N, C-alpha and C. Protein backbone atom coordinates (compact mmCIF):
# COMPACT_ATOMS: atom_id res chain seq x y z
N PRO A 1 23.12 0.85 -1.71
CA PRO A 1 22.05 1.19 -2.86
C PRO A 1 20.65 1.05 -2.18
N TYR A 2 19.85 1.88 -2.79
CA TYR A 2 18.44 1.84 -2.32
C TYR A 2 17.46 1.87 -3.56
N LEU A 3 16.35 1.37 -3.21
CA LEU A 3 15.25 1.32 -4.30
C LEU A 3 14.31 2.58 -4.08
N ARG A 4 13.72 3.05 -5.16
CA ARG A 4 12.82 4.16 -5.27
C ARG A 4 11.50 3.54 -5.93
N ILE A 5 10.49 3.72 -5.24
CA ILE A 5 9.11 3.18 -5.85
C ILE A 5 8.45 4.54 -6.34
N VAL A 6 8.04 4.35 -7.73
CA VAL A 6 7.63 5.60 -8.38
C VAL A 6 6.11 5.11 -8.79
N ASP A 7 5.16 6.11 -8.63
CA ASP A 7 3.80 5.87 -9.04
C ASP A 7 3.42 7.06 -9.91
N TYR A 8 2.84 6.94 -10.99
CA TYR A 8 2.42 8.15 -11.88
C TYR A 8 0.94 8.32 -11.72
N LYS A 9 0.59 9.59 -11.50
CA LYS A 9 -0.74 10.03 -11.28
C LYS A 9 -1.24 10.96 -12.26
N THR A 10 -2.50 10.88 -12.74
CA THR A 10 -3.05 11.73 -13.74
C THR A 10 -3.58 12.91 -13.24
N GLY A 11 -3.92 12.92 -11.87
CA GLY A 11 -4.46 14.20 -11.31
C GLY A 11 -3.52 15.28 -11.00
N LYS A 12 -4.08 16.25 -10.28
CA LYS A 12 -3.09 17.40 -10.01
C LYS A 12 -2.38 17.13 -8.77
N CYS A 13 -1.29 17.79 -8.66
CA CYS A 13 -0.47 17.66 -7.36
C CYS A 13 -1.10 18.35 -6.28
N PRO A 14 -1.03 17.84 -5.11
CA PRO A 14 -1.81 18.51 -3.89
C PRO A 14 -1.21 19.70 -3.62
N ASP A 15 -1.89 20.66 -3.17
CA ASP A 15 -1.43 22.04 -2.70
C ASP A 15 -1.11 21.90 -1.20
N PHE A 16 0.02 22.31 -0.95
CA PHE A 16 0.37 22.30 0.46
C PHE A 16 0.36 23.87 1.04
N LYS A 17 -0.82 24.34 0.94
CA LYS A 17 -0.97 25.77 1.33
C LYS A 17 -1.82 25.99 2.66
N TYR A 18 -1.83 24.76 3.43
CA TYR A 18 -2.64 24.88 4.64
C TYR A 18 -1.76 24.83 5.84
N SER A 19 -2.28 24.48 6.98
CA SER A 19 -1.45 24.47 8.27
C SER A 19 -0.52 23.32 8.06
N PRO A 20 0.59 23.35 9.09
CA PRO A 20 1.44 22.35 8.90
C PRO A 20 0.86 20.90 9.11
N ALA A 21 -0.06 20.94 10.14
CA ALA A 21 -0.63 19.55 10.43
C ALA A 21 -1.55 19.16 9.30
N THR A 22 -2.32 20.00 8.67
CA THR A 22 -3.11 19.61 7.36
C THR A 22 -2.15 19.11 6.25
N ASN A 23 -1.07 19.97 6.08
CA ASN A 23 -0.18 19.56 4.94
C ASN A 23 0.45 18.15 5.25
N GLU A 24 0.70 17.90 6.45
CA GLU A 24 1.30 16.65 6.87
C GLU A 24 0.34 15.47 6.54
N ARG A 25 -0.88 15.66 7.01
CA ARG A 25 -1.95 14.72 6.74
C ARG A 25 -2.20 14.49 5.27
N ILE A 26 -2.16 15.65 4.32
CA ILE A 26 -2.32 15.41 2.96
C ILE A 26 -1.09 14.51 2.41
N ALA A 27 0.16 14.82 2.86
CA ALA A 27 1.14 14.11 2.41
C ALA A 27 1.21 12.67 2.70
N HIS A 28 0.74 12.37 4.02
CA HIS A 28 0.58 11.09 4.52
C HIS A 28 -0.51 10.31 3.71
N GLU A 29 -1.61 10.86 3.40
CA GLU A 29 -2.56 10.09 2.70
C GLU A 29 -2.08 9.98 1.11
N SER A 30 -1.32 10.86 0.72
CA SER A 30 -1.02 10.80 -0.79
C SER A 30 0.13 9.63 -0.83
N PHE A 31 0.98 9.37 0.11
CA PHE A 31 1.91 8.28 0.12
C PHE A 31 1.61 7.08 0.65
N PHE A 32 0.24 6.97 1.20
CA PHE A 32 -0.06 5.71 1.97
C PHE A 32 0.00 4.62 0.99
N GLN A 33 -0.50 4.67 -0.13
CA GLN A 33 -0.56 3.44 -1.15
C GLN A 33 0.96 3.05 -1.54
N LEU A 34 1.83 3.97 -1.70
CA LEU A 34 3.20 3.62 -2.05
C LEU A 34 3.80 3.05 -0.73
N LYS A 35 3.43 3.42 0.39
CA LYS A 35 4.05 2.78 1.53
C LYS A 35 3.58 1.38 1.75
N ILE A 36 2.32 1.07 1.29
CA ILE A 36 1.92 -0.35 1.23
C ILE A 36 2.76 -1.13 0.22
N TYR A 37 3.10 -0.55 -0.89
CA TYR A 37 3.98 -1.13 -1.84
C TYR A 37 5.43 -1.45 -1.18
N ALA A 38 5.81 -0.55 -0.55
CA ALA A 38 7.16 -0.60 0.04
C ALA A 38 7.06 -1.77 1.04
N LEU A 39 5.95 -1.71 1.78
CA LEU A 39 5.84 -2.81 2.98
C LEU A 39 5.83 -4.30 2.15
N LEU A 40 4.97 -4.48 1.16
CA LEU A 40 4.93 -5.68 0.48
C LEU A 40 6.25 -6.14 -0.13
N LEU A 41 6.98 -5.10 -0.60
CA LEU A 41 8.39 -5.47 -1.24
C LEU A 41 9.24 -5.98 -0.04
N ARG A 42 9.18 -5.27 1.14
CA ARG A 42 10.12 -5.66 2.17
C ARG A 42 9.69 -7.05 2.63
N GLU A 43 8.37 -7.40 2.81
CA GLU A 43 8.00 -8.79 3.21
C GLU A 43 8.41 -9.76 2.22
N MET A 44 8.25 -9.51 0.97
CA MET A 44 8.60 -10.56 -0.12
C MET A 44 10.17 -10.65 -0.13
N MET A 45 10.96 -9.59 0.12
CA MET A 45 12.50 -9.69 0.25
C MET A 45 12.68 -10.66 1.42
N LYS A 46 12.21 -10.43 2.47
CA LYS A 46 12.37 -11.26 3.80
C LYS A 46 12.05 -12.71 3.48
N LYS A 47 10.97 -12.94 2.83
CA LYS A 47 10.58 -14.36 2.50
C LYS A 47 11.58 -14.97 1.45
N GLN A 48 12.07 -14.15 0.54
CA GLN A 48 12.98 -14.66 -0.47
C GLN A 48 14.29 -15.00 0.19
N GLN A 49 14.70 -14.26 1.13
CA GLN A 49 15.89 -14.41 1.85
C GLN A 49 15.79 -15.68 2.67
N ALA A 50 14.81 -15.73 3.35
CA ALA A 50 14.54 -16.97 4.19
C ALA A 50 14.36 -18.31 3.30
N ASP A 51 13.75 -18.16 2.14
CA ASP A 51 13.82 -19.49 1.29
C ASP A 51 15.12 -19.89 0.84
N GLU A 52 15.85 -18.65 0.45
CA GLU A 52 17.25 -19.09 -0.01
C GLU A 52 18.10 -19.64 1.02
N GLU A 53 18.04 -19.18 2.19
CA GLU A 53 18.79 -19.68 3.42
C GLU A 53 18.34 -21.22 3.65
N GLY A 54 17.10 -21.39 3.36
CA GLY A 54 16.49 -22.73 3.65
C GLY A 54 16.94 -23.83 2.68
N ASN A 55 17.20 -23.39 1.55
CA ASN A 55 17.62 -24.35 0.41
C ASN A 55 19.00 -24.16 -0.10
N GLY A 56 19.81 -23.30 0.48
CA GLY A 56 21.14 -23.21 -0.03
C GLY A 56 21.40 -22.30 -1.04
N GLY A 57 20.56 -21.47 -1.39
CA GLY A 57 20.77 -20.44 -2.46
C GLY A 57 19.68 -20.39 -3.46
N GLY A 58 19.85 -19.70 -4.54
CA GLY A 58 18.86 -19.46 -5.45
C GLY A 58 18.90 -20.66 -6.59
N GLU A 59 17.81 -20.54 -7.41
CA GLU A 59 17.72 -21.59 -8.39
C GLU A 59 18.45 -20.95 -9.61
N GLU A 60 19.08 -22.05 -10.35
CA GLU A 60 19.85 -21.64 -11.53
C GLU A 60 18.92 -22.10 -12.64
N GLY A 61 18.84 -21.13 -13.73
CA GLY A 61 18.20 -21.60 -14.96
C GLY A 61 19.13 -21.98 -15.91
N SER A 62 18.80 -22.17 -17.11
CA SER A 62 19.59 -22.63 -18.28
C SER A 62 20.67 -21.59 -18.43
N GLY A 63 21.80 -21.90 -18.70
CA GLY A 63 22.95 -21.06 -18.93
C GLY A 63 23.32 -20.27 -17.58
N GLY A 64 23.00 -20.76 -16.47
CA GLY A 64 23.40 -20.14 -15.39
C GLY A 64 22.85 -18.83 -14.72
N GLN A 65 21.63 -18.55 -15.48
CA GLN A 65 20.93 -17.34 -15.21
C GLN A 65 20.13 -17.61 -13.90
N ARG A 66 20.00 -16.52 -13.11
CA ARG A 66 19.18 -16.49 -11.90
C ARG A 66 17.66 -16.46 -12.31
N ARG A 67 16.86 -17.22 -11.73
CA ARG A 67 15.46 -17.10 -12.15
C ARG A 67 14.67 -16.46 -10.95
N LYS A 68 13.57 -15.95 -11.33
CA LYS A 68 12.54 -15.44 -10.15
C LYS A 68 11.89 -16.46 -9.61
N ARG A 69 11.70 -16.03 -8.17
CA ARG A 69 11.06 -16.83 -7.27
C ARG A 69 10.29 -15.95 -6.28
N ASN A 70 8.99 -16.30 -6.04
CA ASN A 70 8.32 -15.56 -5.07
C ASN A 70 8.00 -14.13 -5.72
N GLY A 71 8.02 -14.05 -7.08
CA GLY A 71 7.71 -12.72 -7.79
C GLY A 71 8.73 -11.83 -7.91
N LEU A 72 9.88 -12.07 -7.34
CA LEU A 72 11.03 -11.08 -7.39
C LEU A 72 12.35 -11.63 -8.10
N PRO A 73 12.93 -10.87 -8.85
CA PRO A 73 14.22 -11.35 -9.47
C PRO A 73 15.13 -11.59 -8.31
N LEU A 74 15.99 -12.65 -8.43
CA LEU A 74 16.82 -12.99 -7.31
C LEU A 74 17.93 -11.96 -7.12
N ASN A 75 18.13 -10.95 -7.97
CA ASN A 75 19.05 -9.93 -7.83
C ASN A 75 18.59 -8.79 -6.69
N LEU A 76 17.27 -8.97 -6.30
CA LEU A 76 16.76 -8.03 -5.37
C LEU A 76 16.93 -8.74 -4.09
N ARG A 77 18.13 -8.60 -3.36
CA ARG A 77 18.44 -9.17 -2.07
C ARG A 77 17.72 -8.37 -1.06
N ALA A 78 17.75 -9.01 0.16
CA ALA A 78 17.07 -8.40 1.19
C ALA A 78 17.98 -7.16 1.75
N GLY A 79 19.23 -7.11 1.40
CA GLY A 79 20.03 -5.95 1.73
C GLY A 79 19.82 -4.65 1.03
N ILE A 80 19.03 -4.71 -0.16
CA ILE A 80 18.57 -3.54 -0.87
C ILE A 80 17.21 -3.13 -0.43
N GLN A 81 17.08 -2.07 0.15
CA GLN A 81 16.03 -1.52 0.78
C GLN A 81 15.18 -0.32 0.02
N VAL A 82 13.86 -0.37 0.07
CA VAL A 82 13.28 0.78 -0.37
C VAL A 82 13.41 1.97 0.50
N ARG A 83 13.87 3.02 0.05
CA ARG A 83 14.02 4.12 0.88
C ARG A 83 13.30 5.40 0.48
N ASN A 84 13.10 5.47 -0.86
CA ASN A 84 12.44 6.76 -1.38
C ASN A 84 11.17 6.33 -2.16
N LEU A 85 10.04 7.08 -1.97
CA LEU A 85 8.82 7.05 -2.69
C LEU A 85 8.67 8.30 -3.44
N ARG A 86 8.13 8.12 -4.64
CA ARG A 86 8.07 9.35 -5.57
C ARG A 86 6.55 9.29 -6.24
N LEU A 87 5.91 10.24 -6.05
CA LEU A 87 4.57 10.44 -6.90
C LEU A 87 4.88 11.49 -7.93
N VAL A 88 4.62 11.08 -9.17
CA VAL A 88 4.71 11.87 -10.32
C VAL A 88 3.34 12.24 -10.84
N TYR A 89 3.00 13.56 -10.70
CA TYR A 89 1.72 13.98 -11.27
C TYR A 89 2.05 14.65 -12.83
N LEU A 90 1.33 13.74 -13.63
CA LEU A 90 1.32 14.14 -14.92
C LEU A 90 0.47 15.21 -15.25
N THR A 91 0.73 16.24 -16.12
CA THR A 91 -0.20 17.16 -16.38
C THR A 91 -0.29 17.39 -18.00
N SER A 92 -1.38 18.32 -18.34
CA SER A 92 -1.41 18.48 -19.96
C SER A 92 -0.52 19.71 -20.09
N LYS A 93 -0.31 20.11 -21.40
CA LYS A 93 0.53 21.20 -21.86
C LYS A 93 -0.03 22.47 -21.12
N ASP A 94 -1.29 22.53 -20.85
CA ASP A 94 -1.96 23.82 -20.37
C ASP A 94 -1.55 23.99 -18.88
N GLN A 95 -1.21 22.93 -18.25
CA GLN A 95 -1.00 22.94 -16.75
C GLN A 95 0.43 23.07 -16.60
N GLY A 96 1.25 22.92 -17.46
CA GLY A 96 2.77 23.02 -17.31
C GLY A 96 3.40 21.63 -17.18
N PRO A 97 4.68 21.54 -16.85
CA PRO A 97 5.29 20.38 -16.69
C PRO A 97 4.89 19.56 -15.63
N ALA A 98 5.11 18.24 -15.52
CA ALA A 98 4.75 17.33 -14.60
C ALA A 98 5.53 17.69 -13.25
N LYS A 99 4.80 17.49 -12.08
CA LYS A 99 5.36 17.70 -10.77
C LYS A 99 5.51 16.58 -10.04
N TYR A 100 6.38 16.57 -9.14
CA TYR A 100 6.53 15.22 -8.36
C TYR A 100 6.85 15.60 -6.80
N LEU A 101 6.41 14.65 -6.07
CA LEU A 101 6.74 14.69 -4.56
C LEU A 101 7.45 13.46 -4.16
N ASP A 102 8.32 13.69 -3.31
CA ASP A 102 9.20 12.71 -2.83
C ASP A 102 9.03 12.50 -1.18
N CYS A 103 9.15 11.22 -0.91
CA CYS A 103 9.09 10.87 0.51
C CYS A 103 10.27 10.03 0.87
N ASP A 104 10.99 10.27 1.92
CA ASP A 104 12.14 9.62 2.42
C ASP A 104 11.61 8.76 3.50
N LEU A 105 11.63 7.35 3.43
CA LEU A 105 11.07 6.48 4.55
C LEU A 105 11.99 6.50 5.80
N GLY A 106 13.23 7.08 5.62
CA GLY A 106 14.06 7.21 6.84
C GLY A 106 15.52 6.96 6.48
N ALA A 107 16.45 7.67 7.12
CA ALA A 107 17.72 7.60 6.92
C ALA A 107 18.49 6.23 7.26
N THR A 108 17.90 5.66 8.26
CA THR A 108 18.46 4.36 8.82
C THR A 108 17.35 3.25 8.49
N GLU A 109 18.01 2.04 8.56
CA GLU A 109 17.15 0.77 8.44
C GLU A 109 16.03 0.83 9.53
N GLU A 110 16.37 1.25 10.74
CA GLU A 110 15.46 1.18 11.80
C GLU A 110 14.35 2.05 11.63
N ALA A 111 14.62 3.31 11.27
CA ALA A 111 13.77 4.42 10.80
C ALA A 111 12.67 3.77 9.71
N ARG A 112 13.30 3.21 8.71
CA ARG A 112 12.42 2.72 7.54
C ARG A 112 11.45 1.66 8.08
N ASN A 113 12.02 0.67 8.82
CA ASN A 113 11.28 -0.54 9.32
C ASN A 113 10.26 0.01 10.24
N ALA A 114 10.56 1.10 11.13
CA ALA A 114 9.47 1.69 12.09
C ALA A 114 8.35 2.27 11.16
N GLU A 115 8.72 2.99 10.14
CA GLU A 115 7.56 3.54 9.24
C GLU A 115 6.73 2.45 8.76
N LEU A 116 7.30 1.38 8.15
CA LEU A 116 6.68 0.42 7.50
C LEU A 116 5.94 -0.44 8.53
N ASP A 117 6.44 -0.59 9.66
CA ASP A 117 5.68 -1.17 10.75
C ASP A 117 4.41 -0.52 11.11
N ARG A 118 4.48 0.91 11.18
CA ARG A 118 3.33 1.66 11.37
C ARG A 118 2.18 1.57 10.29
N VAL A 119 2.70 1.35 9.00
CA VAL A 119 1.76 1.15 8.01
C VAL A 119 1.09 -0.13 8.03
N GLN A 120 1.86 -1.06 8.55
CA GLN A 120 1.38 -2.52 8.61
C GLN A 120 0.28 -2.58 9.89
N ALA A 121 0.64 -1.91 10.90
CA ALA A 121 -0.31 -1.77 12.00
C ALA A 121 -1.50 -1.08 11.56
N ASP A 122 -1.52 0.05 10.68
CA ASP A 122 -2.72 0.69 10.27
C ASP A 122 -3.51 -0.13 9.41
N ILE A 123 -2.85 -0.93 8.52
CA ILE A 123 -3.63 -2.01 7.64
C ILE A 123 -4.28 -3.02 8.67
N GLY A 124 -3.63 -3.40 9.68
CA GLY A 124 -4.42 -4.34 10.61
C GLY A 124 -5.53 -3.80 11.28
N ARG A 125 -5.39 -2.48 11.66
CA ARG A 125 -6.59 -1.86 12.15
C ARG A 125 -7.77 -1.74 11.28
N VAL A 126 -7.49 -1.27 10.06
CA VAL A 126 -8.50 -1.20 9.08
C VAL A 126 -9.18 -2.71 8.85
N TRP A 127 -8.30 -3.68 8.76
CA TRP A 127 -8.88 -5.00 8.50
C TRP A 127 -9.75 -5.41 9.72
N SER A 128 -9.35 -5.17 10.82
CA SER A 128 -10.12 -5.54 12.11
C SER A 128 -11.54 -4.77 12.12
N SER A 129 -11.38 -3.59 11.82
CA SER A 129 -12.63 -2.69 11.62
C SER A 129 -13.63 -3.30 10.54
N ILE A 130 -13.08 -3.74 9.40
CA ILE A 130 -13.89 -4.23 8.44
C ILE A 130 -14.50 -5.61 8.96
N GLN A 131 -13.73 -6.30 9.50
CA GLN A 131 -14.29 -7.71 10.08
C GLN A 131 -15.34 -7.43 11.06
N SER A 132 -15.21 -6.45 11.96
CA SER A 132 -16.32 -6.03 13.02
C SER A 132 -17.42 -5.56 12.34
N LEU A 133 -17.33 -4.83 11.29
CA LEU A 133 -18.53 -4.26 10.60
C LEU A 133 -19.33 -5.31 9.85
N VAL A 134 -18.61 -6.38 9.28
CA VAL A 134 -19.12 -7.43 8.56
C VAL A 134 -19.92 -8.26 9.51
N GLN A 135 -19.38 -8.40 10.78
CA GLN A 135 -20.04 -9.21 11.82
C GLN A 135 -21.40 -8.58 12.16
N THR A 136 -21.47 -7.27 12.16
CA THR A 136 -22.82 -6.76 12.42
C THR A 136 -23.83 -6.96 11.62
N ASN A 137 -23.43 -7.26 10.38
CA ASN A 137 -24.39 -7.58 9.23
C ASN A 137 -25.32 -6.47 9.05
N ASP A 138 -24.77 -5.22 9.16
CA ASP A 138 -25.71 -3.91 9.03
C ASP A 138 -24.98 -2.99 8.07
N PRO A 139 -25.48 -2.98 6.82
CA PRO A 139 -24.69 -2.05 5.92
C PRO A 139 -24.76 -0.49 6.37
N GLY A 140 -25.83 -0.19 7.12
CA GLY A 140 -25.98 1.06 7.66
C GLY A 140 -24.93 1.53 8.71
N ALA A 141 -24.19 0.46 9.31
CA ALA A 141 -23.17 0.70 10.21
C ALA A 141 -21.88 1.23 9.59
N PHE A 142 -21.79 0.99 8.28
CA PHE A 142 -20.59 1.29 7.59
C PHE A 142 -20.48 2.82 7.31
N VAL A 143 -19.41 3.36 7.71
CA VAL A 143 -19.13 4.86 7.27
C VAL A 143 -17.97 4.82 6.39
N HIS A 144 -18.01 5.52 5.19
CA HIS A 144 -16.92 5.48 4.28
C HIS A 144 -15.61 5.98 4.88
N CYS A 145 -14.67 5.37 4.39
CA CYS A 145 -13.35 5.72 4.81
C CYS A 145 -12.94 7.16 4.16
N ASP A 146 -11.85 7.61 4.65
CA ASP A 146 -11.28 9.00 4.07
C ASP A 146 -10.03 8.71 3.08
N ARG A 147 -9.98 7.48 2.63
CA ARG A 147 -8.79 7.33 1.63
C ARG A 147 -9.37 7.38 0.27
N SER A 148 -9.01 8.32 -0.42
CA SER A 148 -9.54 8.59 -1.74
C SER A 148 -9.45 7.40 -2.67
N PHE A 149 -8.49 6.67 -2.67
CA PHE A 149 -8.19 5.44 -3.59
C PHE A 149 -8.90 4.14 -3.22
N CYS A 150 -9.63 4.26 -2.04
CA CYS A 150 -10.26 3.08 -1.60
C CYS A 150 -11.34 2.65 -2.54
N TRP A 151 -11.60 1.35 -2.66
CA TRP A 151 -12.56 0.77 -3.52
C TRP A 151 -14.00 1.14 -2.97
N CYS A 152 -14.20 1.35 -1.56
CA CYS A 152 -15.51 1.70 -1.01
C CYS A 152 -16.23 2.80 -1.73
N HIS A 153 -15.48 3.83 -2.13
CA HIS A 153 -16.06 4.97 -2.59
C HIS A 153 -16.67 4.59 -4.06
N LYS A 154 -16.36 3.61 -4.76
CA LYS A 154 -16.89 3.17 -5.89
C LYS A 154 -18.12 2.34 -5.74
N VAL A 155 -17.86 1.41 -4.81
CA VAL A 155 -18.93 0.31 -4.46
C VAL A 155 -20.08 0.75 -3.67
N ARG A 156 -20.02 1.62 -2.71
CA ARG A 156 -20.91 2.07 -1.82
C ARG A 156 -22.15 2.63 -2.50
N PRO A 157 -22.04 3.44 -3.48
CA PRO A 157 -23.25 4.13 -4.17
C PRO A 157 -24.02 3.00 -4.93
N LYS A 158 -23.36 2.06 -5.28
CA LYS A 158 -24.05 0.89 -5.91
C LYS A 158 -24.80 -0.11 -4.98
N PHE A 159 -24.70 0.04 -3.82
CA PHE A 159 -25.30 -0.83 -2.86
C PHE A 159 -26.80 -0.65 -2.89
N ILE A 160 -27.59 -1.76 -3.10
CA ILE A 160 -29.08 -1.83 -3.17
C ILE A 160 -29.53 -2.25 -1.93
N PRO A 161 -30.33 -1.41 -1.08
CA PRO A 161 -30.90 -1.90 0.24
C PRO A 161 -31.56 -3.28 0.03
N GLN A 162 -31.46 -4.00 1.06
CA GLN A 162 -32.12 -5.43 1.23
C GLN A 162 -31.30 -6.43 0.44
N THR A 163 -30.13 -6.31 0.02
CA THR A 163 -29.34 -7.14 -0.82
C THR A 163 -28.23 -7.83 -0.03
N VAL A 164 -27.93 -7.54 1.18
CA VAL A 164 -26.89 -7.99 1.97
C VAL A 164 -27.30 -9.20 2.38
N TRP A 165 -26.36 -10.33 2.30
CA TRP A 165 -26.51 -11.63 2.86
C TRP A 165 -26.99 -11.49 4.29
N GLN A 166 -27.96 -12.27 4.71
CA GLN A 166 -28.34 -12.24 6.09
C GLN A 166 -28.26 -13.69 6.51
N ARG A 167 -27.92 -13.84 7.89
CA ARG A 167 -27.85 -15.01 8.48
C ARG A 167 -29.43 -15.54 8.68
N GLU A 168 -29.63 -16.72 8.71
CA GLU A 168 -30.90 -17.28 9.09
C GLU A 168 -31.08 -17.15 10.65
N ARG A 169 -32.29 -16.88 10.86
CA ARG A 169 -32.59 -16.72 12.32
C ARG A 169 -32.76 -17.96 12.95
N PRO A 170 -32.32 -18.08 14.21
CA PRO A 170 -32.39 -19.41 14.86
C PRO A 170 -33.90 -20.13 14.84
N ASP A 171 -34.89 -19.39 14.67
CA ASP A 171 -36.22 -19.87 14.60
C ASP A 171 -36.55 -20.36 13.20
N GLY A 172 -35.66 -20.29 12.22
CA GLY A 172 -35.86 -20.63 10.74
C GLY A 172 -36.35 -19.66 9.94
N ASP A 173 -36.73 -18.43 10.32
CA ASP A 173 -37.27 -17.48 9.36
C ASP A 173 -36.18 -16.83 8.62
């Protein structure tokens, strides 16, 4: 058995009418958020499995029911993996029925883990880049990212010059 993560979108489904490389980039960007969800779920399941192995099993609730721990129901065992991602684009009556895009993370556990490891490495690179930019203490050094869902696109236009926290100079000024 496999899990499928589904995300509902109110925008229109992307067109794949471009070159194969551009279409692949569009698909990658569209599914990046869901791949992060899959990565988080994988890590939570690993932690749950390690916790259960460490204390001899799950917790029993009243009446013998399995309780949640680490945010996951105990019936989500580490052996059940996320394999499929689906984006469902909701549309109005004028635009026709809803459309969906599917992404298969891989036919094997190794392929799925390799894909999620790439996502984790990408997140690490983004975080390192953010830390480097913060260390420069120069808001002008920041160039917005190309991920449409990123919060920077909403926050950046609201930036007011001269409002960034600045370290005190060694001479006390």
